[in-house]
């Protein structure tokens, strides 16, 4: 069992590690050779030039201004200096609201920590329950609720604080939800024109033997949205073509490299081996080899393009439909188009950068099956992953090591090796778990892509939901329930049956020591390691040394990355969960969480300003997920406290806790009804205001020209002939055209009574003569 001394050693190790990372970052960031690694965002916007282009030869690689080394922490105030409105303009609303999650953590837990240390810690400490018990405990446990004797009147303090913490958390959540919802609406109203504001994605277009998908879509929307329909772009299955083009691009890059090499050394033509990684196989002329490869790929690409042009099966039953106004798009995206609710399904189109093109080719009818398979796979991944995680945790402590290697027992118990023992107890469990989970985000993202989500933002939100559920089951519940049961196995065996509930109740808060070490490893040293960017730094220089062949390669070697919502947000939510669960149970954990939120806020603000280049902008569409997970953590904390007090025979106070989950759920439903619509629908009033203002400011806007190439598959962009073939209908003016169908059973027809267009009704509308 870890003691205060072990925690102190772990804290010292992690503080020193974090400080070392910051010092290393301060030195590396001012070196000219690393400028593209630590300030890539400014290069992408052409607002920064490499300092290696001028000056003495040495100064191109090393910063010789020694005064700059003394200001190694000046990046912190610089990161905090940019106002939020400027930050939104600079990095987008997604990035600014993501930072507010850290601020929300500080707003919730700073007052909670103050109250907990002022009231609960003295109440817990001034008891001797653990000293007279037979369970294993540490000094940290004496600060927890475990040190209160059963049936004590002191539990009223914990009950009152549970209500206070719940009301304060809900108050801050409501204020933040209102603020973010207002920010989103203001952002949507004030941002510049974007193609997705005028476009909806239509899926499950019913097939017709007499009309193509494109003709069918055009006819349907000209009839049902005659005043607002502008144009459309059908969705092509271009996944195979994308792979071929990408392969050709790689081959062309190698050809450019060898041609450049030959131009510098005309005496010898470059050669290569055709085997694995160029290490084995037949030796051939490199230029001729890649020229031949590119020629063959060009033929394959042209054949695939021809297939897409002429094969109707290459066109998916889906299309991006654009409207003349935002109002028209909002009406279409948020209404049912047909009496049959399974066809002509409409939703807001993602912004062009946000579209995940590979999944647009998945037939809509197969999505349900794919998501069922994904859910089953995730279930087995979650519960079977618990076995190796528990095994790793069992070895990452003194008892586990002594069982696995008995010869180390005598060494570890000597006083002169106490530092090693403290290191193992206070540091190893957290780092072992962190290492073990490295591949998990990649696995979960692959599963989310398999399920068929059509936008990068939806993929990240889905993957984040999976990651958080995994963390909750395996790290939180697995560590508290299963882990403590194993730790207290001896106590279970050697005590009477009526004492078992007491042991379980006492053992739950005892797991706080493990989470303290995890917070320090992941939340302190891990965040400091984030700003160092060691992996991108190494990869950048390896690419420059080994792989950079052309000037284009030099640009691509600079990878700024993005926020990584699918991994970052679930990890933040774990800290909310730990803070809310242990605020009443073991308050000593709260200061470690506050340090995490404060440090992470500064670090990620710096990264968002200087490094990350967000791939898309969802206008903070993820906030309802953030709010919902914090609410779930709050309810879990209440239920666990209720169960814990029931083992303490607090019969008078425990029933009063039942009201807390009920009130919390009511509060969640209130917020969902009041604020969530701002994240799921676009008010028609806002759309009309935006359209009116735009018509006044730009009456001659050529909207069709603006939208012409917005939703053409990226593989066709840059190819003028292909774009002309695919988008030929864009030049035609929208007009009411007759259908080509022999049967009009699925076609909206004019009402004989009013002359207006009736809704599509394959079951009711009879054939017309």
Foldseek 3Di string as FASTA:
>chain_A
DAAPVLQVLLLVVLVVLLVVLLLLLLQQCPFLVCVLQQFVLCVVVVNDDRPLPDDDNVSSGHPPPVVSSVPSPVLLVVLVPDDLVVLCVQFNLQLSVVLVLLVLLLQQQVVLLVVCVVQQQVLQQPACQVVPDDFDAYPLLSSFPLRDFFQDPSCVSLLVSLVVSLVSNLVSLLVSLVVLLVLLLVCVLPPDDFQLLFKKKWAFADDDPQDALQQSVLQLCCFVVVPWFAHKFFAFQCPVLVVLVVVLVVLVLQLLLQVVVCVVPVPDQDWFAPDDVRPDHDIDRSNVVSVVVNVVSVVVNVVVLVCRLPPSLRTHNMMMTGTPFSLSLQVQQPDQFFPPNVHRHIHRDFGLLFFPSNLVSPHPVCLVVLVVVLVVVLVCCLPVVLVVLLVLLCCQADVNVCVVPVVCNVVCPDPVNVSVNSCSQQARNQVSNVVVCPCVLVVLLVSLVSSRDTTNVVSLLSLLVSVLVSCCVRVPVSCQQVVLCVVCVVVVVPDDPLCVLSSSLSSNLSSLSSVLSNLSVCLRSVLSNVSSPPVLSVQLVCCVVPPDRDPVSNSVSSDLAAPSSSPVLSVSLVLLLVCLQCSSGRSVSSVSSSVSSVSNSSSSSSSSNRGHRDSGHLSPLCVLVSSVSSLVSSLVSLVSVLSSSVSSNNVPSSVVSVVSNVVSVVSNVVSCVPRNCSSRHDDSVSRVVSRVVCCVVCVPDPVLVVNLCRPDPPSCPPPVVSSCSSRVCSPDGSDNDDDSDPWCLQPFDADPPPRGTDRGDNVPDHTDD
